[in-house]
């Protein structure tokens, strides 16, 4: 039974005891500028899909009805141009990320697409009075892998982020909906490539009892940049 123990440990439970804080005890360094590389779902990500194009999203009847009623002019009139830039969909929008530490327990993720800012909080759970917003409230933890090189081996693992307190929005820009009941779970993994490139892979799972018949899962790839070249924050657009 001892040999069947899982290879990932929760925050502060890896070998060597609890990390001093999430910043110094990070499983990897996520900071810097990253650019999305679109190798799949091009027709849904690089351009705004036509109304009714919701192939691949496990929608129920209520959700399909809502998507078929999508009206970007109505969103613009109501000041809801950012409905497709909420946390459940933001990482799928082509663009760049700028990741920094706001403090030792808060990771800051900025996007040039929609000029959005997400905060990943490593301390505690979601406050009961958290105000619903496009980016919601994100609780983060490092999941550490058991070292394979013995004592003194480098810490490895992933970053798990769970987001609640979301304002209803779109999973795709053409009105494919998610509700205020949506639960967003993400896993951030770092992958160094043999040619020296560094990749950040974001696996996203959206569970929504109101609109989805099963979790909607995607995997999005970002390549690290040496500097801020191309960084150009732009406002949300409804079309």
C-alpha atoms as a PDB file:
ATOM      1  CA  UNK A   1       0.000   0.000   0.000  1.00  0.00           C
ATOM      2  CA  UNK A   2       2.892   2.342   0.710  1.00  0.00           C
ATOM      3  CA  UNK A   3       4.059   1.990  -2.883  1.00  0.00           C
ATOM      4  CA  UNK A   4       0.690   3.199  -4.186  1.00  0.00           C
ATOM      5  CA  UNK A   5       0.883   6.623  -2.501  1.00  0.00           C
ATOM      6  CA  UNK A   6       0.062   9.561  -4.828  1.00  0.00           C
ATOM      7  CA  UNK A   7       2.918  11.538  -6.337  1.00  0.00           C
ATOM      8  CA  UNK A   8       1.416  14.978  -5.668  1.00  0.00           C
ATOM      9  CA  UNK A   9       1.222  16.662  -2.300  1.00  0.00           C
ATOM     10  CA  UNK A  10      -0.894  19.637  -1.245  1.00  0.00           C
ATOM     11  CA  UNK A  11       0.618  22.986  -0.364  1.00  0.00           C
ATOM     12  CA  UNK A  12       3.003  22.688   2.552  1.00  0.00           C
ATOM     13  CA  UNK A  13       2.850  18.883   2.628  1.00  0.00           C
ATOM     14  CA  UNK A  14       5.788  17.993   0.411  1.00  0.00           C
ATOM     15  CA  UNK A  15       9.031  16.611   1.739  1.00  0.00           C
ATOM     16  CA  UNK A  16      11.060  18.967   3.850  1.00  0.00           C
ATOM     17  CA  UNK A  17       8.090  20.520   5.660  1.00  0.00           C
ATOM     18  CA  UNK A  18       6.008  23.570   4.921  1.00  0.00           C
ATOM     19  CA  UNK A  19       7.359  26.158   2.516  1.00  0.00           C
ATOM     20  CA  UNK A  20       8.162  29.591   4.050  1.00  0.00           C
ATOM     21  CA  UNK A  21       5.503  31.227   1.858  1.00  0.00           C
ATOM     22  CA  UNK A  22       3.917  30.573  -1.553  1.00  0.00           C
ATOM     23  CA  UNK A  23       6.352  32.864  -3.333  1.00  0.00           C
ATOM     24  CA  UNK A  24       9.633  31.463  -2.045  1.00  0.00           C
ATOM     25  CA  UNK A  25       8.241  27.930  -1.934  1.00  0.00           C
ATOM     26  CA  UNK A  26       6.831  27.973  -5.485  1.00  0.00           C
ATOM     27  CA  UNK A  27       6.865  24.704  -7.422  1.00  0.00           C
ATOM     28  CA  UNK A  28       8.041  26.725 -10.447  1.00  0.00           C
ATOM     29  CA  UNK A  29       8.520  30.334 -11.490  1.00  0.00           C
ATOM     30  CA  UNK A  30       5.437  31.530 -13.435  1.00  0.00           C
ATOM     31  CA  UNK A  31       6.483  35.172 -13.660  1.00  0.00           C
ATOM     32  CA  UNK A  32       7.222  37.062 -16.846  1.00  0.00           C
ATOM     33  CA  UNK A  33       5.559  37.655 -20.196  1.00  0.00           C
ATOM     34  CA  UNK A  34       3.822  34.826 -22.048  1.00  0.00           C
ATOM     35  CA  UNK A  35       2.202  34.692 -25.487  1.00  0.00           C
ATOM     36  CA  UNK A  36      -0.581  32.272 -26.409  1.00  0.00           C
ATOM     37  CA  UNK A  37       0.118  29.821 -29.218  1.00  0.00           C
ATOM     38  CA  UNK A  38      -3.099  28.758 -30.948  1.00  0.00           C
ATOM     39  CA  UNK A  39      -2.811  25.242 -32.355  1.00  0.00           C
ATOM     40  CA  UNK A  40      -6.422  24.102 -31.907  1.00  0.00           C
ATOM     41  CA  UNK A  41      -9.972  25.547 -31.979  1.00  0.00           C
ATOM     42  CA  UNK A  42      -8.695  28.236 -34.342  1.00  0.00           C
ATOM     43  CA  UNK A  43     -12.217  28.947 -35.677  1.00  0.00           C
ATOM     44  CA  UNK A  44     -13.522  29.571 -32.161  1.00  0.00           C
ATOM     45  CA  UNK A  45     -10.561  31.570 -30.820  1.00  0.00           C
ATOM     46  CA  UNK A  46      -8.965  33.637 -33.581  1.00  0.00           C
ATOM     47  CA  UNK A  47     -12.249  35.025 -34.883  1.00  0.00           C
ATOM     48  CA  UNK A  48     -15.681  35.507 -33.345  1.00  0.00           C
ATOM     49  CA  UNK A  49     -17.699  32.405 -34.302  1.00  0.00           C
ATOM     50  CA  UNK A  50     -21.144  32.840 -35.856  1.00  0.00           C
ATOM     51  CA  UNK A  51     -24.240  32.528 -33.720  1.00  0.00           C
ATOM     52  CA  UNK A  52     -25.039  28.904 -32.979  1.00  0.00           C
ATOM     53  CA  UNK A  53     -21.457  27.629 -33.360  1.00  0.00           C
ATOM     54  CA  UNK A  54     -21.116  25.848 -30.039  1.00  0.00           C
ATOM     55  CA  UNK A  55     -19.688  22.528 -31.216  1.00  0.00           C
ATOM     56  CA  UNK A  56     -17.566  20.872 -28.534  1.00  0.00           C
ATOM     57  CA  UNK A  57     -19.211  22.569 -25.549  1.00  0.00           C
ATOM     58  CA  UNK A  58     -21.500  20.213 -23.542  1.00  0.00           C
ATOM     59  CA  UNK A  59     -24.492  22.567 -23.434  1.00  0.00           C
ATOM     60  CA  UNK A  60     -27.977  21.653 -22.252  1.00  0.00           C
ATOM     61  CA  UNK A  61     -31.162  22.915 -23.894  1.00  0.00           C
ATOM     62  CA  UNK A  62     -31.361  26.048 -21.761  1.00  0.00           C
ATOM     63  CA  UNK A  63     -27.794  26.991 -22.679  1.00  0.00           C
ATOM     64  CA  UNK A  64     -28.345  26.446 -26.403  1.00  0.00           C
ATOM     65  CA  UNK A  65     -31.419  28.648 -26.249  1.00  0.00           C
ATOM     66  CA  UNK A  66     -29.393  31.383 -24.529  1.00  0.00           C
ATOM     67  CA  UNK A  67     -26.564  31.070 -27.073  1.00  0.00           C
ATOM     68  CA  UNK A  68     -29.019  31.273 -29.981  1.00  0.00           C
ATOM     69  CA  UNK A  69     -30.274  34.572 -28.569  1.00  0.00           C
ATOM     70  CA  UNK A  70     -26.812  36.179 -28.526  1.00  0.00           C
ATOM     71  CA  UNK A  71     -26.968  39.865 -29.467  1.00  0.00           C
ATOM     72  CA  UNK A  72     -23.638  41.758 -29.348  1.00  0.00           C
ATOM     73  CA  UNK A  73     -25.388  45.084 -29.929  1.00  0.00           C
ATOM     74  CA  UNK A  74     -27.435  44.477 -26.772  1.00  0.00           C
ATOM     75  CA  UNK A  75     -24.270  43.671 -24.810  1.00  0.00           C
ATOM     76  CA  UNK A  76     -22.689  46.899 -26.035  1.00  0.00           C
ATOM     77  CA  UNK A  77     -25.751  48.946 -25.116  1.00  0.00           C
ATOM     78  CA  UNK A  78     -25.715  47.448 -21.604  1.00  0.00           C
ATOM     79  CA  UNK A  79     -21.969  47.953 -21.099  1.00  0.00           C
ATOM     80  CA  UNK A  80     -21.324  44.211 -21.117  1.00  0.00           C
ATOM     81  CA  UNK A  81     -18.546  44.095 -23.701  1.00  0.00           C
ATOM     82  CA  UNK A  82     -16.459  42.010 -21.251  1.00  0.00           C
ATOM     83  CA  UNK A  83     -18.866  39.047 -20.995  1.00  0.00           C
ATOM     84  CA  UNK A  84     -16.436  36.874 -23.002  1.00  0.00           C
ATOM     85  CA  UNK A  85     -13.433  38.014 -20.917  1.00  0.00           C
ATOM     86  CA  UNK A  86     -14.418  36.447 -17.599  1.00  0.00           C
ATOM     87  CA  UNK A  87     -12.082  33.961 -15.917  1.00  0.00           C
ATOM     88  CA  UNK A  88     -13.697  30.816 -17.430  1.00  0.00           C
ATOM     89  CA  UNK A  89     -12.900  32.022 -20.985  1.00  0.00           C
ATOM     90  CA  UNK A  90     -10.097  34.563 -20.609  1.00  0.00           C
ATOM     91  CA  UNK A  91      -7.142  32.197 -21.067  1.00  0.00           C
ATOM     92  CA  UNK A  92      -8.577  30.970 -24.397  1.00  0.00           C
ATOM     93  CA  UNK A  93      -8.534  34.470 -25.920  1.00  0.00           C
ATOM     94  CA  UNK A  94      -5.351  34.895 -28.001  1.00  0.00           C
ATOM     95  CA  UNK A  95      -2.973  37.410 -26.489  1.00  0.00           C
ATOM     96  CA  UNK A  96      -0.314  37.847 -23.861  1.00  0.00           C
ATOM     97  CA  UNK A  97      -0.051  37.367 -20.117  1.00  0.00           C
ATOM     98  CA  UNK A  98       2.064  39.324 -17.664  1.00  0.00           C
ATOM     99  CA  UNK A  99       2.486  37.388 -14.412  1.00  0.00           C
ATOM    100  CA  UNK A 100       4.013  38.955 -11.300  1.00  0.00           C
ATOM    101  CA  UNK A 101       3.865  38.522  -7.537  1.00  0.00           C
ATOM    102  CA  UNK A 102       1.729  41.244  -5.967  1.00  0.00           C
ATOM    103  CA  UNK A 103       2.966  40.070  -2.565  1.00  0.00           C
ATOM    104  CA  UNK A 104       4.212  36.820  -1.005  1.00  0.00           C
ATOM    105  CA  UNK A 105       0.744  35.245  -1.007  1.00  0.00           C
ATOM    106  CA  UNK A 106      -0.884  36.750  -4.117  1.00  0.00           C
ATOM    107  CA  UNK A 107      -0.021  36.061  -7.743  1.00  0.00           C
ATOM    108  CA  UNK A 108      -1.116  38.713 -10.253  1.00  0.00           C
ATOM    109  CA  UNK A 109      -2.041  37.705 -13.813  1.00  0.00           C
ATOM    110  CA  UNK A 110      -2.678  40.505 -16.324  1.00  0.00           C
ATOM    111  CA  UNK A 111      -3.912  39.986 -19.874  1.00  0.00           C
ATOM    112  CA  UNK A 112      -3.570  42.372 -22.772  1.00  0.00           C
ATOM    113  CA  UNK A 113      -6.796  40.909 -24.214  1.00  0.00           C
ATOM    114  CA  UNK A 114      -9.515  42.939 -22.532  1.00  0.00           C
ATOM    115  CA  UNK A 115      -6.969  44.525 -20.161  1.00  0.00           C
ATOM    116  CA  UNK A 116      -8.084  42.163 -17.405  1.00  0.00           C
ATOM    117  CA  UNK A 117      -6.400  41.367 -14.065  1.00  0.00           C
ATOM    118  CA  UNK A 118      -6.729  38.153 -12.102  1.00  0.00           C
ATOM    119  CA  UNK A 119      -5.470  37.693  -8.541  1.00  0.00           C
ATOM    120  CA  UNK A 120      -4.593  34.216  -7.251  1.00  0.00           C
ATOM    121  CA  UNK A 121      -4.863  34.147  -3.452  1.00  0.00           C
ATOM    122  CA  UNK A 122      -2.844  31.477  -1.626  1.00  0.00           C
ATOM    123  CA  UNK A 123      -4.200  32.300   1.820  1.00  0.00           C
ATOM    124  CA  UNK A 124      -7.547  30.934   2.983  1.00  0.00           C
ATOM    125  CA  UNK A 125     -10.831  30.221   1.210  1.00  0.00           C
ATOM    126  CA  UNK A 126     -13.203  32.419  -0.766  1.00  0.00           C
ATOM    127  CA  UNK A 127     -14.700  35.105   1.524  1.00  0.00           C
ATOM    128  CA  UNK A 128     -18.437  34.691   2.053  1.00  0.00           C
ATOM    129  CA  UNK A 129     -18.963  38.321   1.078  1.00  0.00           C
ATOM    130  CA  UNK A 130     -16.934  38.140  -2.167  1.00  0.00           C
ATOM    131  CA  UNK A 131     -18.624  40.376  -4.736  1.00  0.00           C
ATOM    132  CA  UNK A 132     -19.336  38.586  -8.059  1.00  0.00           C
ATOM    133  CA  UNK A 133     -17.134  39.883 -10.874  1.00  0.00           C
ATOM    134  CA  UNK A 134     -15.789  38.867 -14.287  1.00  0.00           C
ATOM    135  CA  UNK A 135     -12.659  37.385 -12.695  1.00  0.00           C
ATOM    136  CA  UNK A 136     -14.334  36.114  -9.541  1.00  0.00           C
ATOM    137  CA  UNK A 137     -12.300  35.152  -6.484  1.00  0.00           C
ATOM    138  CA  UNK A 138      -9.441  32.711  -7.091  1.00  0.00           C
ATOM    139  CA  UNK A 139      -7.908  30.506  -4.393  1.00  0.00           C
ATOM    140  CA  UNK A 140      -4.543  29.002  -5.335  1.00  0.00           C
ATOM    141  CA  UNK A 141      -2.244  26.306  -4.017  1.00  0.00           C
ATOM    142  CA  UNK A 142       0.953  24.659  -5.147  1.00  0.00           C
ATOM    143  CA  UNK A 143       0.700  20.905  -5.636  1.00  0.00           C
ATOM    144  CA  UNK A 144       4.166  19.490  -5.131  1.00  0.00           C
ATOM    145  CA  UNK A 145       5.460  16.337  -6.793  1.00  0.00           C
ATOM    146  CA  UNK A 146       7.498  13.867  -4.792  1.00  0.00           C
ATOM    147  CA  UNK A 147      11.181  14.533  -5.608  1.00  0.00           C
ATOM    148  CA  UNK A 148      12.696  11.821  -7.779  1.00  0.00           C
ATOM    149  CA  UNK A 149      16.322  12.722  -7.147  1.00  0.00           C
ATOM    150  CA  UNK A 150      16.480  12.087  -3.429  1.00  0.00           C
ATOM    151  CA  UNK A 151      17.262  14.610  -0.735  1.00  0.00           C
ATOM    152  CA  UNK A 152      18.095  18.043  -2.106  1.00  0.00           C
ATOM    153  CA  UNK A 153      16.268  17.495  -5.413  1.00  0.00           C
ATOM    154  CA  UNK A 154      14.479  20.475  -6.960  1.00  0.00           C
ATOM    155  CA  UNK A 155      10.863  21.055  -5.977  1.00  0.00           C
ATOM    156  CA  UNK A 156       8.420  20.320  -8.790  1.00  0.00           C
ATOM    157  CA  UNK A 157       4.671  20.361  -9.231  1.00  0.00           C
ATOM    158  CA  UNK A 158       1.789  22.398 -10.549  1.00  0.00           C
ATOM    159  CA  UNK A 159      -0.359  25.353  -9.574  1.00  0.00           C
ATOM    160  CA  UNK A 160      -4.031  24.639  -8.867  1.00  0.00           C
ATOM    161  CA  UNK A 161      -6.481  27.563  -8.943  1.00  0.00           C
ATOM    162  CA  UNK A 162     -10.177  27.369  -8.015  1.00  0.00           C
ATOM    163  CA  UNK A 163     -12.371  30.357  -8.898  1.00  0.00           C
ATOM    164  CA  UNK A 164     -15.878  31.163  -7.641  1.00  0.00           C
ATOM    165  CA  UNK A 165     -17.968  34.343  -7.160  1.00  0.00           C
ATOM    166  CA  UNK A 166     -18.259  34.763 -10.906  1.00  0.00           C
ATOM    167  CA  UNK A 167     -20.486  37.132 -12.807  1.00  0.00           C
ATOM    168  CA  UNK A 168     -22.394  35.327 -15.621  1.00  0.00           C
ATOM    169  CA  UNK A 169     -20.571  35.506 -18.948  1.00  0.00           C
ATOM    170  CA  UNK A 170     -19.622  33.680 -22.134  1.00  0.00           C
ATOM    171  CA  UNK A 171     -17.422  30.632 -22.686  1.00  0.00           C
ATOM    172  CA  UNK A 172     -17.076  31.752 -26.283  1.00  0.00           C
ATOM    173  CA  UNK A 173     -17.465  35.191 -27.741  1.00  0.00           C
ATOM    174  CA  UNK A 174     -20.626  34.223 -29.639  1.00  0.00           C
ATOM    175  CA  UNK A 175     -22.771  34.035 -26.539  1.00  0.00           C
ATOM    176  CA  UNK A 176     -22.142  30.453 -25.307  1.00  0.00           C
ATOM    177  CA  UNK A 177     -23.090  31.021 -21.657  1.00  0.00           C
ATOM    178  CA  UNK A 178     -21.844  30.189 -18.194  1.00  0.00           C
ATOM    179  CA  UNK A 179     -23.839  31.128 -15.101  1.00  0.00           C
ATOM    180  CA  UNK A 180     -23.090  32.627 -11.702  1.00  0.00           C
ATOM    181  CA  UNK A 181     -23.048  29.035 -10.404  1.00  0.00           C
ATOM    182  CA  UNK A 182     -20.023  28.105 -12.530  1.00  0.00           C
ATOM    183  CA  UNK A 183     -17.016  26.616 -10.773  1.00  0.00           C
ATOM    184  CA  UNK A 184     -13.669  27.126 -12.497  1.00  0.00           C
ATOM    185  CA  UNK A 185     -10.728  24.830 -11.728  1.00  0.00           C
ATOM    186  CA  UNK A 186      -7.366  25.367 -13.433  1.00  0.00           C
ATOM    187  CA  UNK A 187      -3.995  23.630 -13.406  1.00  0.00           C
ATOM    188  CA  UNK A 188      -0.865  25.526 -14.488  1.00  0.00           C
ATOM    189  CA  UNK A 189       2.123  23.402 -15.523  1.00  0.00           C
ATOM    190  CA  UNK A 190       5.583  24.502 -16.662  1.00  0.00           C
ATOM    191  CA  UNK A 191       7.299  22.574 -19.469  1.00  0.00           C
ATOM    192  CA  UNK A 192      10.894  23.387 -20.531  1.00  0.00           C
ATOM    193  CA  UNK A 193      11.529  22.342 -24.146  1.00  0.00           C
ATOM    194  CA  UNK A 194      14.791  20.787 -25.453  1.00  0.00           C
ATOM    195  CA  UNK A 195      15.410  23.868 -27.643  1.00  0.00           C
ATOM    196  CA  UNK A 196      15.410  26.163 -24.610  1.00  0.00           C
ATOM    197  CA  UNK A 197      11.818  27.427 -24.916  1.00  0.00           C
ATOM    198  CA  UNK A 198       9.619  27.436 -21.828  1.00  0.00           C
ATOM    199  CA  UNK A 199       5.919  26.599 -22.074  1.00  0.00           C
ATOM    200  CA  UNK A 200       3.073  27.223 -19.646  1.00  0.00           C
ATOM    201  CA  UNK A 201       0.139  24.850 -20.126  1.00  0.00           C
ATOM    202  CA  UNK A 202      -3.187  25.841 -18.561  1.00  0.00           C
ATOM    203  CA  UNK A 203      -5.745  23.049 -18.188  1.00  0.00           C
ATOM    204  CA  UNK A 204      -9.170  24.550 -17.538  1.00  0.00           C
ATOM    205  CA  UNK A 205     -12.297  22.818 -16.256  1.00  0.00           C
ATOM    206  CA  UNK A 206     -15.603  24.693 -16.084  1.00  0.00           C
ATOM    207  CA  UNK A 207     -18.427  22.980 -14.193  1.00  0.00           C
ATOM    208  CA  UNK A 208     -21.818  24.664 -14.398  1.00  0.00           C
ATOM    209  CA  UNK A 209     -24.978  22.877 -13.184  1.00  0.00           C
ATOM    210  CA  UNK A 210     -27.190  25.444 -14.879  1.00  0.00           C
ATOM    211  CA  UNK A 211     -25.834  25.301 -18.432  1.00  0.00           C
ATOM    212  CA  UNK A 212     -23.458  22.330 -18.856  1.00  0.00           C
ATOM    213  CA  UNK A 213     -24.251  18.618 -18.962  1.00  0.00           C
ATOM    214  CA  UNK A 214     -20.640  17.798 -18.043  1.00  0.00           C
ATOM    215  CA  UNK A 215     -17.464  19.799 -17.314  1.00  0.00           C
ATOM    216  CA  UNK A 216     -16.033  21.773 -20.229  1.00  0.00           C
ATOM    217  CA  UNK A 217     -12.285  21.065 -20.374  1.00  0.00           C
ATOM    218  CA  UNK A 218      -9.661  22.837 -22.464  1.00  0.00           C
ATOM    219  CA  UNK A 219      -5.862  22.994 -22.577  1.00  0.00           C
ATOM    220  CA  UNK A 220      -4.210  26.276 -23.545  1.00  0.00           C
ATOM    221  CA  UNK A 221      -0.527  26.813 -24.340  1.00  0.00           C
ATOM    222  CA  UNK A 222       1.639  29.863 -23.684  1.00  0.00           C
ATOM    223  CA  UNK A 223       5.268  30.379 -24.690  1.00  0.00           C
ATOM    224  CA  UNK A 224       7.538  32.489 -22.505  1.00  0.00           C
ATOM    225  CA  UNK A 225       8.909  35.721 -23.967  1.00  0.00           C
ATOM    226  CA  UNK A 226      12.244  37.268 -22.998  1.00  0.00           C
ATOM    227  CA  UNK A 227      10.647  40.704 -22.578  1.00  0.00           C
ATOM    228  CA  UNK A 228       7.449  42.743 -23.042  1.00  0.00           C
ATOM    229  CA  UNK A 229       7.612  42.793 -26.846  1.00  0.00           C
ATOM    230  CA  UNK A 230       4.089  42.845 -28.260  1.00  0.00           C
ATOM    231  CA  UNK A 231       2.443  43.629 -24.929  1.00  0.00           C
ATOM    232  CA  UNK A 232      -0.482  45.865 -25.844  1.00  0.00           C
ATOM    233  CA  UNK A 233      -3.504  45.941 -23.487  1.00  0.00           C
ATOM    234  CA  UNK A 234      -6.750  46.541 -25.361  1.00  0.00           C
ATOM    235  CA  UNK A 235     -10.314  46.986 -24.077  1.00  0.00           C
ATOM    236  CA  UNK A 236     -12.967  44.269 -24.276  1.00  0.00           C
ATOM    237  CA  UNK A 237     -15.003  43.980 -27.468  1.00  0.00           C
ATOM    238  CA  UNK A 238     -18.408  42.340 -27.869  1.00  0.00           C
ATOM    239  CA  UNK A 239     -17.887  41.303 -31.501  1.00  0.00           C
END
